[in-house]
Amino acid sequence: MRVCILYVALFACACPSKPTTTGTGNGTGHTATGTLPAACEGIRGKLQQLYRAEAQAKEPARVEQAVADNTAMVLADCAAQPDKVAACVRDASTVQDVEARCVTPLDDEGTEGEAMRR
């Protein structure tokens, strides 16, 4: 009987109650892959390309992590304002363009500024 209860408990723990998604975090929230608007998914490749070039030049020891983190940051902003951010990224030619014109500016601590939280 105890073995049967153990198996039921293990099975219950192994089966999630909600569907799980794999995604990218941005430190302030979670953007799950597959839940982004199509406009945001459409800029993912360009963002990865821009951030990869920058990371290879500035931080070659952590290229993949830098690309993932920075792409997730922009996609999180895109999820909040898909049309605006996606159009801006499509027109951008550098990481500096993306960060200066397309996304919510970060303060000195690397978080969104107080003015942008309202």
PDB file of N, CA and C in Angstrom:
ATOM      1  N   MET A   1       0.825  -1.194   0.000  1.00  0.00           N
ATOM      2  CA  MET A   1       0.000   0.000   0.000  1.00  0.00           C
ATOM      3  C   MET A   1       0.871   1.260   0.000  1.00  0.00           C
ATOM      4  N   ARG A   2       1.912   1.267   0.820  1.00  0.00           N
ATOM      5  CA  ARG A   2       2.796   2.441   0.879  1.00  0.00           C
ATOM      6  C   ARG A   2       3.490   2.664  -0.450  1.00  0.00           C
ATOM      7  N   VAL A   3       3.859   1.600  -1.113  1.00  0.00           N
ATOM      8  CA  VAL A   3       4.512   1.716  -2.409  1.00  0.00           C
ATOM      9  C   VAL A   3       3.561   2.351  -3.414  1.00  0.00           C
ATOM     10  N   CYS A   4       2.311   1.945  -3.367  1.00  0.00           N
ATOM     11  CA  CYS A   4       1.297   2.498  -4.273  1.00  0.00           C
ATOM     12  C   CYS A   4       1.128   4.005  -4.026  1.00  0.00           C
ATOM     13  N   ILE A   5       1.078   4.408  -2.783  1.00  0.00           N
ATOM     14  CA  ILE A   5       0.946   5.831  -2.433  1.00  0.00           C
ATOM     15  C   ILE A   5       2.177   6.592  -2.896  1.00  0.00           C
ATOM     16  N   LEU A   6       3.347   6.002  -2.738  1.00  0.00           N
ATOM     17  CA  LEU A   6       4.584   6.636  -3.174  1.00  0.00           C
ATOM     18  C   LEU A   6       4.562   6.861  -4.679  1.00  0.00           C
ATOM     19  N   TYR A   7       4.137   5.855  -5.439  1.00  0.00           N
ATOM     20  CA  TYR A   7       4.060   6.001  -6.897  1.00  0.00           C
ATOM     21  C   TYR A   7       3.064   7.088  -7.304  1.00  0.00           C
ATOM     22  N   VAL A   8       1.942   7.144  -6.646  1.00  0.00           N
ATOM     23  CA  VAL A   8       0.941   8.169  -6.948  1.00  0.00           C
ATOM     24  C   VAL A   8       1.511   9.556  -6.640  1.00  0.00           C
ATOM     25  N   ALA A   9       2.189   9.684  -5.529  1.00  0.00           N
ATOM     26  CA  ALA A   9       2.781  10.972  -5.154  1.00  0.00           C
ATOM     27  C   ALA A   9       3.859  11.386  -6.156  1.00  0.00           C
ATOM     28  N   LEU A  10       4.710  10.458  -6.550  1.00  0.00           N
ATOM     29  CA  LEU A  10       5.755  10.769  -7.526  1.00  0.00           C
ATOM     30  C   LEU A  10       5.146  11.158  -8.870  1.00  0.00           C
ATOM     31  N   PHE A  11       4.114  10.443  -9.266  1.00  0.00           N
ATOM     32  CA  PHE A  11       3.453  10.754 -10.535  1.00  0.00           C
ATOM     33  C   PHE A  11       2.820  12.145 -10.479  1.00  0.00           C
ATOM     34  N   ALA A  12       2.192  12.476  -9.390  1.00  0.00           N
ATOM     35  CA  ALA A  12       1.557  13.789  -9.241  1.00  0.00           C
ATOM     36  C   ALA A  12       2.588  14.903  -9.286  1.00  0.00           C
ATOM     37  N   CYS A  13       3.730  14.679  -8.697  1.00  0.00           N
ATOM     38  CA  CYS A  13       4.786  15.697  -8.713  1.00  0.00           C
ATOM     39  C   CYS A  13       5.401  15.840 -10.096  1.00  0.00           C
ATOM     40  N   ALA A  14       5.439  14.751 -10.842  1.00  0.00           N
ATOM     41  CA  ALA A  14       6.065  14.776 -12.157  1.00  0.00           C
ATOM     42  C   ALA A  14       5.169  15.420 -13.203  1.00  0.00           C
ATOM     43  N   CYS A  15       3.886  15.447 -12.974  1.00  0.00           N
ATOM     44  CA  CYS A  15       2.952  16.028 -13.944  1.00  0.00           C
ATOM     45  C   CYS A  15       2.624  17.451 -13.543  1.00  0.00           C
ATOM     46  N   PRO A  16       3.059  18.424 -14.344  1.00  0.00           N
ATOM     47  CA  PRO A  16       2.761  19.809 -13.984  1.00  0.00           C
ATOM     48  C   PRO A  16       1.281  20.121 -14.127  1.00  0.00           C
ATOM     49  N   SER A  17       0.815  21.000 -13.270  1.00  0.00           N
ATOM     50  CA  SER A  17      -0.594  21.379 -13.332  1.00  0.00           C
ATOM     51  C   SER A  17      -0.851  22.400 -14.423  1.00  0.00           C
ATOM     52  N   LYS A  18       0.198  23.136 -14.817  1.00  0.00           N
ATOM     53  CA  LYS A  18       0.081  24.110 -15.894  1.00  0.00           C
ATOM     54  C   LYS A  18       1.057  23.724 -16.987  1.00  0.00           C
ATOM     55  N   PRO A  19       0.767  24.049 -18.229  1.00  0.00           N
ATOM     56  CA  PRO A  19       1.736  23.771 -19.278  1.00  0.00           C
ATOM     57  C   PRO A  19       3.010  24.564 -19.017  1.00  0.00           C
ATOM     58  N   THR A  20       4.133  23.933 -19.250  1.00  0.00           N
ATOM     59  CA  THR A  20       5.392  24.629 -19.059  1.00  0.00           C
ATOM     60  C   THR A  20       5.870  25.171 -20.385  1.00  0.00           C
ATOM     61  N   THR A  21       6.592  26.266 -20.325  1.00  0.00           N
ATOM     62  CA  THR A  21       7.172  26.847 -21.519  1.00  0.00           C
ATOM     63  C   THR A  21       8.618  27.138 -21.234  1.00  0.00           C
ATOM     64  N   THR A  22       9.417  27.029 -22.266  1.00  0.00           N
ATOM     65  CA  THR A  22      10.798  27.444 -22.116  1.00  0.00           C
ATOM     66  C   THR A  22      10.882  28.835 -22.675  1.00  0.00           C
ATOM     67  N   GLY A  23      11.663  29.660 -22.058  1.00  0.00           N
ATOM     68  CA  GLY A  23      11.731  31.027 -22.515  1.00  0.00           C
ATOM     69  C   GLY A  23      12.957  31.709 -21.981  1.00  0.00           C
ATOM     70  N   THR A  24      12.950  33.006 -22.117  1.00  0.00           N
ATOM     71  CA  THR A  24      14.078  33.807 -21.703  1.00  0.00           C
ATOM     72  C   THR A  24      13.627  34.793 -20.659  1.00  0.00           C
ATOM     73  N   GLY A  25      14.408  34.981 -19.662  1.00  0.00           N
ATOM     74  CA  GLY A  25      14.087  35.940 -18.621  1.00  0.00           C
ATOM     75  C   GLY A  25      14.833  37.228 -18.849  1.00  0.00           C
ATOM     76  N   ASN A  26      14.317  38.287 -18.313  1.00  0.00           N
ATOM     77  CA  ASN A  26      14.986  39.573 -18.470  1.00  0.00           C
ATOM     78  C   ASN A  26      15.345  40.192 -17.127  1.00  0.00           C
ATOM     79  N   GLY A  27      15.201  39.445 -16.061  1.00  0.00           N
ATOM     80  CA  GLY A  27      15.523  39.970 -14.752  1.00  0.00           C
ATOM     81  C   GLY A  27      14.346  40.645 -14.075  1.00  0.00           C
ATOM     82  N   THR A  28      13.393  41.150 -14.842  1.00  0.00           N
ATOM     83  CA  THR A  28      12.236  41.815 -14.255  1.00  0.00           C
ATOM     84  C   THR A  28      10.953  41.065 -14.538  1.00  0.00           C
ATOM     85  N   GLY A  29      11.028  40.062 -15.338  1.00  0.00           N
ATOM     86  CA  GLY A  29       9.842  39.301 -15.689  1.00  0.00           C
ATOM     87  C   GLY A  29      10.225  38.109 -16.516  1.00  0.00           C
ATOM     88  N   HIS A  30       9.263  37.492 -17.155  1.00  0.00           N
ATOM     89  CA  HIS A  30       9.539  36.312 -17.937  1.00  0.00           C
ATOM     90  C   HIS A  30       8.822  36.433 -19.262  1.00  0.00           C
ATOM     91  N   THR A  31       9.557  36.220 -20.316  1.00  0.00           N
ATOM     92  CA  THR A  31       8.987  36.213 -21.639  1.00  0.00           C
ATOM     93  C   THR A  31       9.127  34.814 -22.173  1.00  0.00           C
ATOM     94  N   ALA A  32       8.044  34.096 -22.288  1.00  0.00           N
ATOM     95  CA  ALA A  32       8.087  32.715 -22.729  1.00  0.00           C
ATOM     96  C   ALA A  32       8.081  32.648 -24.249  1.00  0.00           C
ATOM     97  N   THR A  33       8.922  31.770 -24.778  1.00  0.00           N
ATOM     98  CA  THR A  33       8.959  31.553 -26.203  1.00  0.00           C
ATOM     99  C   THR A  33       7.601  31.024 -26.644  1.00  0.00           C
ATOM    100  N   GLY A  34       7.091  31.540 -27.721  1.00  0.00           N
ATOM    101  CA  GLY A  34       5.806  31.092 -28.219  1.00  0.00           C
ATOM    102  C   GLY A  34       4.657  31.962 -27.750  1.00  0.00           C
ATOM    103  N   THR A  35       4.873  32.832 -26.791  1.00  0.00           N
ATOM    104  CA  THR A  35       3.811  33.699 -26.320  1.00  0.00           C
ATOM    105  C   THR A  35       4.022  35.139 -26.776  1.00  0.00           C
ATOM    106  N   LEU A  36       5.065  35.375 -27.509  1.00  0.00           N
ATOM    107  CA  LEU A  36       5.329  36.720 -28.011  1.00  0.00           C
ATOM    108  C   LEU A  36       4.461  37.011 -29.227  1.00  0.00           C
ATOM    109  N   PRO A  37       4.091  38.272 -29.416  1.00  0.00           N
ATOM    110  CA  PRO A  37       3.399  38.634 -30.648  1.00  0.00           C
ATOM    111  C   PRO A  37       4.282  38.322 -31.860  1.00  0.00           C
ATOM    112  N   ALA A  38       3.670  38.059 -32.984  1.00  0.00           N
ATOM    113  CA  ALA A  38       4.407  37.701 -34.198  1.00  0.00           C
ATOM    114  C   ALA A  38       5.426  38.778 -34.576  1.00  0.00           C
ATOM    115  N   ALA A  39       5.078  40.035 -34.374  1.00  0.00           N
ATOM    116  CA  ALA A  39       6.005  41.119 -34.712  1.00  0.00           C
ATOM    117  C   ALA A  39       7.301  41.005 -33.913  1.00  0.00           C
ATOM    118  N   CYS A  40       7.191  40.576 -32.657  1.00  0.00           N
ATOM    119  CA  CYS A  40       8.376  40.435 -31.805  1.00  0.00           C
ATOM    120  C   CYS A  40       9.194  39.211 -32.206  1.00  0.00           C
ATOM    121  N   GLU A  41       8.525  38.110 -32.496  1.00  0.00           N
ATOM    122  CA  GLU A  41       9.248  36.919 -32.964  1.00  0.00           C
ATOM    123  C   GLU A  41       9.997  37.238 -34.247  1.00  0.00           C
ATOM    124  N   GLY A  42       9.427  38.120 -35.056  1.00  0.00           N
ATOM    125  CA  GLY A  42      10.041  38.480 -36.324  1.00  0.00           C
ATOM    126  C   GLY A  42      11.351  39.243 -36.200  1.00  0.00           C
ATOM    127  N   ILE A  43      11.596  39.857 -35.064  1.00  0.00           N
ATOM    128  CA  ILE A  43      12.852  40.613 -34.892  1.00  0.00           C
ATOM    129  C   ILE A  43      13.889  39.839 -34.095  1.00  0.00           C
ATOM    130  N   ARG A  44      13.536  38.677 -33.585  1.00  0.00           N
ATOM    131  CA  ARG A  44      14.459  37.894 -32.753  1.00  0.00           C
ATOM    132  C   ARG A  44      15.798  37.630 -33.473  1.00  0.00           C
ATOM    133  N   GLY A  45      15.741  37.194 -34.717  1.00  0.00           N
ATOM    134  CA  GLY A  45      16.966  36.882 -35.464  1.00  0.00           C
ATOM    135  C   GLY A  45      17.870  38.092 -35.628  1.00  0.00           C
ATOM    136  N   LYS A  46      17.278  39.235 -35.953  1.00  0.00           N
ATOM    137  CA  LYS A  46      18.076  40.452 -36.122  1.00  0.00           C
ATOM    138  C   LYS A  46      18.723  40.859 -34.802  1.00  0.00           C
ATOM    139  N   LEU A  47      17.951  40.783 -33.714  1.00  0.00           N
ATOM    140  CA  LEU A  47      18.507  41.118 -32.402  1.00  0.00           C
ATOM    141  C   LEU A  47      19.675  40.212 -32.060  1.00  0.00           C
ATOM    142  N   GLN A  48      19.508  38.920 -32.282  1.00  0.00           N
ATOM    143  CA  GLN A  48      20.576  37.973 -31.970  1.00  0.00           C
ATOM    144  C   GLN A  48      21.819  38.271 -32.795  1.00  0.00           C
ATOM    145  N   GLN A  49      21.636  38.612 -34.045  1.00  0.00           N
ATOM    146  CA  GLN A  49      22.767  38.944 -34.914  1.00  0.00           C
ATOM    147  C   GLN A  49      23.493  40.193 -34.417  1.00  0.00           C
ATOM    148  N   LEU A  50      22.732  41.236 -34.100  1.00  0.00           N
ATOM    149  CA  LEU A  50      23.352  42.480 -33.618  1.00  0.00           C
ATOM    150  C   LEU A  50      24.078  42.264 -32.296  1.00  0.00           C
ATOM    151  N   TYR A  51      23.421  41.580 -31.354  1.00  0.00           N
ATOM    152  CA  TYR A  51      24.036  41.371 -30.051  1.00  0.00           C
ATOM    153  C   TYR A  51      25.202  40.391 -30.109  1.00  0.00           C
ATOM    154  N   ARG A  52      25.177  39.432 -31.038  1.00  0.00           N
ATOM    155  CA  ARG A  52      26.299  38.503 -31.178  1.00  0.00           C
ATOM    156  C   ARG A  52      27.548  39.249 -31.645  1.00  0.00           C
ATOM    157  N   ALA A  53      27.382  40.118 -32.628  1.00  0.00           N
ATOM    158  CA  ALA A  53      28.529  40.890 -33.121  1.00  0.00           C
ATOM    159  C   ALA A  53      29.117  41.758 -32.011  1.00  0.00           C
ATOM    160  N   GLU A  54      28.236  42.395 -31.237  1.00  0.00           N
ATOM    161  CA  GLU A  54      28.717  43.231 -30.138  1.00  0.00           C
ATOM    162  C   GLU A  54      29.418  42.397 -29.069  1.00  0.00           C
ATOM    163  N   ALA A  55      28.842  41.269 -28.707  1.00  0.00           N
ATOM    164  CA  ALA A  55      29.418  40.432 -27.648  1.00  0.00           C
ATOM    165  C   ALA A  55      30.751  39.830 -28.074  1.00  0.00           C
ATOM    166  N   GLN A  56      30.871  39.451 -29.332  1.00  0.00           N
ATOM    167  CA  GLN A  56      32.145  38.895 -29.794  1.00  0.00           C
ATOM    168  C   GLN A  56      33.261  39.926 -29.693  1.00  0.00           C
ATOM    169  N   ALA A  57      32.925  41.195 -29.870  1.00  0.00           N
ATOM    170  CA  ALA A  57      33.923  42.257 -29.772  1.00  0.00           C
ATOM    171  C   ALA A  57      34.187  42.670 -28.329  1.00  0.00           C
ATOM    172  N   LYS A  58      33.144  42.725 -27.497  1.00  0.00           N
ATOM    173  CA  LYS A  58      33.282  43.270 -26.153  1.00  0.00           C
ATOM    174  C   LYS A  58      33.465  42.236 -25.056  1.00  0.00           C
ATOM    175  N   GLU A  59      32.827  41.078 -25.164  1.00  0.00           N
ATOM    176  CA  GLU A  59      32.903  40.080 -24.112  1.00  0.00           C
ATOM    177  C   GLU A  59      32.907  38.666 -24.701  1.00  0.00           C
ATOM    178  N   PRO A  60      34.007  38.307 -25.383  1.00  0.00           N
ATOM    179  CA  PRO A  60      34.058  37.027 -26.085  1.00  0.00           C
ATOM    180  C   PRO A  60      33.943  35.795 -25.177  1.00  0.00           C
ATOM    181  N   ALA A  61      34.189  35.937 -23.906  1.00  0.00           N
ATOM    182  CA  ALA A  61      34.099  34.792 -22.993  1.00  0.00           C
ATOM    183  C   ALA A  61      32.660  34.412 -22.677  1.00  0.00           C
ATOM    184  N   ARG A  62      31.717  35.300 -22.932  1.00  0.00           N
ATOM    185  CA  ARG A  62      30.321  35.001 -22.599  1.00  0.00           C
ATOM    186  C   ARG A  62      29.354  35.440 -23.698  1.00  0.00           C
ATOM    187  N   VAL A  63      29.705  35.120 -24.925  1.00  0.00           N
ATOM    188  CA  VAL A  63      28.904  35.543 -26.072  1.00  0.00           C
ATOM    189  C   VAL A  63      27.475  35.028 -25.983  1.00  0.00           C
ATOM    190  N   GLU A  64      27.299  33.727 -25.793  1.00  0.00           N
ATOM    191  CA  GLU A  64      25.955  33.147 -25.798  1.00  0.00           C
ATOM    192  C   GLU A  64      25.073  33.745 -24.699  1.00  0.00           C
ATOM    193  N   GLN A  65      25.631  33.917 -23.504  1.00  0.00           N
ATOM    194  CA  GLN A  65      24.855  34.476 -22.398  1.00  0.00           C
ATOM    195  C   GLN A  65      24.491  35.932 -22.667  1.00  0.00           C
ATOM    196  N   ALA A  66      25.423  36.691 -23.208  1.00  0.00           N
ATOM    197  CA  ALA A  66      25.157  38.097 -23.516  1.00  0.00           C
ATOM    198  C   ALA A  66      24.084  38.220 -24.589  1.00  0.00           C
ATOM    199  N   VAL A  67      24.164  37.382 -25.626  1.00  0.00           N
ATOM    200  CA  VAL A  67      23.160  37.407 -26.688  1.00  0.00           C
ATOM    201  C   VAL A  67      21.784  37.069 -26.116  1.00  0.00           C
ATOM    202  N   ALA A  68      21.715  36.015 -25.309  1.00  0.00           N
ATOM    203  CA  ALA A  68      20.433  35.597 -24.724  1.00  0.00           C
ATOM    204  C   ALA A  68      19.861  36.681 -23.812  1.00  0.00           C
ATOM    205  N   ASP A  69      20.683  37.236 -22.938  1.00  0.00           N
ATOM    206  CA  ASP A  69      20.214  38.251 -21.990  1.00  0.00           C
ATOM    207  C   ASP A  69      19.717  39.513 -22.707  1.00  0.00           C
ATOM    208  N   ASN A  70      20.511  40.003 -23.627  1.00  0.00           N
ATOM    209  CA  ASN A  70      20.155  41.249 -24.304  1.00  0.00           C
ATOM    210  C   ASN A  70      18.954  41.071 -25.234  1.00  0.00           C
ATOM    211  N   THR A  71      18.887  39.941 -25.907  1.00  0.00           N
ATOM    212  CA  THR A  71      17.737  39.660 -26.763  1.00  0.00           C
ATOM    213  C   THR A  71      16.466  39.585 -25.914  1.00  0.00           C
ATOM    214  N   ALA A  72      16.551  38.911 -24.774  1.00  0.00           N
ATOM    215  CA  ALA A  72      15.396  38.790 -23.879  1.00  0.00           C
ATOM    216  C   ALA A  72      14.939  40.157 -23.382  1.00  0.00           C
ATOM    217  N   MET A  73      15.877  41.041 -23.100  1.00  0.00           N
ATOM    218  CA  MET A  73      15.535  42.383 -22.621  1.00  0.00           C
ATOM    219  C   MET A  73      14.710  43.132 -23.674  1.00  0.00           C
ATOM    220  N   VAL A  74      15.149  43.088 -24.909  1.00  0.00           N
ATOM    221  CA  VAL A  74      14.441  43.807 -25.964  1.00  0.00           C
ATOM    222  C   VAL A  74      13.095  43.139 -26.255  1.00  0.00           C
ATOM    223  N   LEU A  75      13.058  41.814 -26.258  1.00  0.00           N
ATOM    224  CA  LEU A  75      11.799  41.115 -26.526  1.00  0.00           C
ATOM    225  C   LEU A  75      10.772  41.368 -25.425  1.00  0.00           C
ATOM    226  N   ALA A  76      11.232  41.543 -24.197  1.00  0.00           N
ATOM    227  CA  ALA A  76      10.298  41.869 -23.112  1.00  0.00           C
ATOM    228  C   ALA A  76       9.668  43.237 -23.354  1.00  0.00           C
ATOM    229  N   ASP A  77      10.450  44.207 -23.781  1.00  0.00           N
ATOM    230  CA  ASP A  77       9.897  45.520 -24.122  1.00  0.00           C
ATOM    231  C   ASP A  77       8.974  45.404 -25.331  1.00  0.00           C
ATOM    232  N   CYS A  78       9.357  44.569 -26.278  1.00  0.00           N
ATOM    233  CA  CYS A  78       8.545  44.377 -27.471  1.00  0.00           C
ATOM    234  C   CYS A  78       7.189  43.773 -27.114  1.00  0.00           C
ATOM    235  N   ALA A  79       7.165  42.851 -26.170  1.00  0.00           N
ATOM    236  CA  ALA A  79       5.903  42.232 -25.762  1.00  0.00           C
ATOM    237  C   ALA A  79       4.941  43.274 -25.209  1.00  0.00           C
ATOM    238  N   ALA A  80       5.477  44.312 -24.571  1.00  0.00           N
ATOM    239  CA  ALA A  80       4.642  45.369 -24.005  1.00  0.00           C
ATOM    240  C   ALA A  80       4.131  46.336 -25.083  1.00  0.00           C
ATOM    241  N   GLN A  81       4.953  46.577 -26.108  1.00  0.00           N
ATOM    242  CA  GLN A  81       4.589  47.498 -27.191  1.00  0.00           C
ATOM    243  C   GLN A  81       5.066  46.915 -28.522  1.00  0.00           C
ATOM    244  N   PRO A  82       4.431  45.861 -28.992  1.00  0.00           N
ATOM    245  CA  PRO A  82       4.951  45.120 -30.144  1.00  0.00           C
ATOM    246  C   PRO A  82       5.131  45.946 -31.415  1.00  0.00           C
ATOM    247  N   ASP A  83       4.157  46.713 -31.791  1.00  0.00           N
ATOM    248  CA  ASP A  83       4.258  47.441 -33.060  1.00  0.00           C
ATOM    249  C   ASP A  83       5.367  48.482 -33.024  1.00  0.00           C
ATOM    250  N   LYS A  84       5.436  49.221 -31.949  1.00  0.00           N
ATOM    251  CA  LYS A  84       6.434  50.285 -31.815  1.00  0.00           C
ATOM    252  C   LYS A  84       7.850  49.722 -31.783  1.00  0.00           C
ATOM    253  N   VAL A  85       8.090  48.758 -30.900  1.00  0.00           N
ATOM    254  CA  VAL A  85       9.451  48.229 -30.730  1.00  0.00           C
ATOM    255  C   VAL A  85       9.886  47.443 -31.959  1.00  0.00           C
ATOM    256  N   ALA A  86       9.028  46.614 -32.503  1.00  0.00           N
ATOM    257  CA  ALA A  86       9.400  45.801 -33.668  1.00  0.00           C
ATOM    258  C   ALA A  86       9.757  46.678 -34.861  1.00  0.00           C
ATOM    259  N   ALA A  87       8.961  47.706 -35.123  1.00  0.00           N
ATOM    260  CA  ALA A  87       9.257  48.612 -36.239  1.00  0.00           C
ATOM    261  C   ALA A  87      10.582  49.332 -36.014  1.00  0.00           C
ATOM    262  N   CYS A  88      10.819  49.757 -34.797  1.00  0.00           N
ATOM    263  CA  CYS A  88      12.053  50.458 -34.471  1.00  0.00           C
ATOM    264  C   CYS A  88      13.273  49.548 -34.661  1.00  0.00           C
ATOM    265  N   VAL A  89      13.182  48.306 -34.190  1.00  0.00           N
ATOM    266  CA  VAL A  89      14.305  47.371 -34.330  1.00  0.00           C
ATOM    267  C   VAL A  89      14.540  47.055 -35.804  1.00  0.00           C
ATOM    268  N   ARG A  90      13.492  46.895 -36.577  1.00  0.00           N
ATOM    269  CA  ARG A  90      13.671  46.624 -38.012  1.00  0.00           C
ATOM    270  C   ARG A  90      14.438  47.752 -38.693  1.00  0.00           C
ATOM    271  N   ASP A  91      14.242  48.986 -38.238  1.00  0.00           N
ATOM    272  CA  ASP A  91      14.936  50.131 -38.832  1.00  0.00           C
ATOM    273  C   ASP A  91      16.337  50.345 -38.269  1.00  0.00           C
ATOM    274  N   ALA A  92      16.642  49.752 -37.123  1.00  0.00           N
ATOM    275  CA  ALA A  92      17.942  49.961 -36.465  1.00  0.00           C
ATOM    276  C   ALA A  92      19.035  49.184 -37.189  1.00  0.00           C
ATOM    277  N   SER A  93      20.238  49.747 -37.137  1.00  0.00           N
ATOM    278  CA  SER A  93      21.366  49.056 -37.778  1.00  0.00           C
ATOM    279  C   SER A  93      22.456  48.671 -36.787  1.00  0.00           C
ATOM    280  N   THR A  94      22.346  49.165 -35.556  1.00  0.00           N
ATOM    281  CA  THR A  94      23.339  48.832 -34.540  1.00  0.00           C
ATOM    282  C   THR A  94      22.651  48.593 -33.197  1.00  0.00           C
ATOM    283  N   VAL A  95      23.389  47.980 -32.288  1.00  0.00           N
ATOM    284  CA  VAL A  95      22.888  47.790 -30.924  1.00  0.00           C
ATOM    285  C   VAL A  95      22.619  49.149 -30.282  1.00  0.00           C
ATOM    286  N   GLN A  96      23.479  50.110 -30.547  1.00  0.00           N
ATOM    287  CA  GLN A  96      23.298  51.440 -29.976  1.00  0.00           C
ATOM    288  C   GLN A  96      21.977  52.056 -30.443  1.00  0.00           C
ATOM    289  N   ASP A  97      21.625  51.858 -31.712  1.00  0.00           N
ATOM    290  CA  ASP A  97      20.331  52.339 -32.214  1.00  0.00           C
ATOM    291  C   ASP A  97      19.179  51.685 -31.458  1.00  0.00           C
ATOM    292  N   VAL A  98      19.254  50.372 -31.309  1.00  0.00           N
ATOM    293  CA  VAL A  98      18.193  49.624 -30.624  1.00  0.00           C
ATOM    294  C   VAL A  98      18.027  50.138 -29.199  1.00  0.00           C
ATOM    295  N   GLU A  99      19.142  50.245 -28.477  1.00  0.00           N
ATOM    296  CA  GLU A  99      19.063  50.616 -27.066  1.00  0.00           C
ATOM    297  C   GLU A  99      18.732  52.081 -26.855  1.00  0.00           C
ATOM    298  N   ALA A 100      19.102  52.935 -27.766  1.00  0.00           N
ATOM    299  CA  ALA A 100      18.819  54.364 -27.611  1.00  0.00           C
ATOM    300  C   ALA A 100      17.402  54.721 -28.061  1.00  0.00           C
ATOM    301  N   ARG A 101      16.889  54.054 -29.082  1.00  0.00           N
ATOM    302  CA  ARG A 101      15.621  54.471 -29.670  1.00  0.00           C
ATOM    303  C   ARG A 101      14.453  53.513 -29.443  1.00  0.00           C
ATOM    304  N   CYS A 102      14.738  52.244 -29.193  1.00  0.00           N
ATOM    305  CA  CYS A 102      13.659  51.248 -29.258  1.00  0.00           C
ATOM    306  C   CYS A 102      13.180  50.704 -27.914  1.00  0.00           C
ATOM    307  N   VAL A 103      14.022  50.726 -26.913  1.00  0.00           N
ATOM    308  CA  VAL A 103      13.666  50.076 -25.648  1.00  0.00           C
ATOM    309  C   VAL A 103      13.645  51.064 -24.494  1.00  0.00           C
ATOM    310  N   THR A 104      13.045  50.628 -23.395  1.00  0.00           N
ATOM    311  CA  THR A 104      12.991  51.440 -22.184  1.00  0.00           C
ATOM    312  C   THR A 104      14.410  51.627 -21.661  1.00  0.00           C
ATOM    313  N   PRO A 105      14.836  52.857 -21.440  1.00  0.00           N
ATOM    314  CA  PRO A 105      16.190  53.093 -20.946  1.00  0.00           C
ATOM    315  C   PRO A 105      16.394  52.488 -19.559  1.00  0.00           C
ATOM    316  N   LEU A 106      17.598  52.008 -19.306  1.00  0.00           N
ATOM    317  CA  LEU A 106      17.960  51.478 -17.999  1.00  0.00           C
ATOM    318  C   LEU A 106      18.658  52.563 -17.191  1.00  0.00           C
ATOM    319  N   ASP A 107      18.468  52.528 -15.871  1.00  0.00           N
ATOM    320  CA  ASP A 107      19.173  53.483 -15.029  1.00  0.00           C
ATOM    321  C   ASP A 107      20.577  52.957 -14.723  1.00  0.00           C
ATOM    322  N   ASP A 108      21.329  53.647 -13.878  1.00  0.00           N
ATOM    323  CA  ASP A 108      22.707  53.273 -13.564  1.00  0.00           C
ATOM    324  C   ASP A 108      22.815  51.894 -12.912  1.00  0.00           C
ATOM    325  N   GLU A 109      21.726  51.425 -12.303  1.00  0.00           N
ATOM    326  CA  GLU A 109      21.738  50.127 -11.643  1.00  0.00           C
ATOM    327  C   GLU A 109      21.305  49.004 -12.580  1.00  0.00           C
ATOM    328  N   GLY A 110      20.993  49.334 -13.836  1.00  0.00           N
ATOM    329  CA  GLY A 110      20.597  48.327 -14.805  1.00  0.00           C
ATOM    330  C   GLY A 110      19.132  47.947 -14.751  1.00  0.00           C
ATOM    331  N   THR A 111      18.315  48.798 -14.131  1.00  0.00           N
ATOM    332  CA  THR A 111      16.879  48.543 -14.076  1.00  0.00           C
ATOM    333  C   THR A 111      16.165  49.676 -14.781  1.00  0.00           C
ATOM    334  N   GLU A 112      14.911  49.463 -15.087  1.00  0.00           N
ATOM    335  CA  GLU A 112      14.143  50.515 -15.735  1.00  0.00           C
ATOM    336  C   GLU A 112      14.037  51.714 -14.815  1.00  0.00           C
ATOM    337  N   GLY A 113      14.185  52.902 -15.369  1.00  0.00           N
ATOM    338  CA  GLY A 113      14.132  54.118 -14.576  1.00  0.00           C
ATOM    339  C   GLY A 113      12.756  54.363 -13.979  1.00  0.00           C
ATOM    340  N   GLU A 114      12.718  55.117 -12.907  1.00  0.00           N
ATOM    341  CA  GLU A 114      11.461  55.421 -12.211  1.00  0.00           C
ATOM    342  C   GLU A 114      10.451  56.081 -13.143  1.00  0.00           C
ATOM    343  N   ALA A 115      10.905  56.966 -13.997  1.00  0.00           N
ATOM    344  CA  ALA A 115       9.984  57.680 -14.885  1.00  0.00           C
ATOM    345  C   ALA A 115       9.292  56.716 -15.842  1.00  0.00           C
ATOM    346  N   MET A 116       9.959  55.631 -16.201  1.00  0.00           N
ATOM    347  CA  MET A 116       9.402  54.696 -17.160  1.00  0.00           C
ATOM    348  C   MET A 116       8.433  53.711 -16.506  1.00  0.00           C
ATOM    349  N   ARG A 117       8.393  53.607 -15.208  1.00  0.00           N
ATOM    350  CA  ARG A 117       7.524  52.650 -14.515  1.00  0.00           C
ATOM    351  C   ARG A 117       6.098  53.110 -14.398  1.00  0.00           C
ATOM    352  N   ARG A 118       5.818  54.364 -14.625  1.00  0.00           N
ATOM    353  CA  ARG A 118       4.465  54.919 -14.447  1.00  0.00           C
ATOM    354  C   ARG A 118       3.533  54.475 -15.514  1.00  0.00           C
TER     355      ARG A 118
END
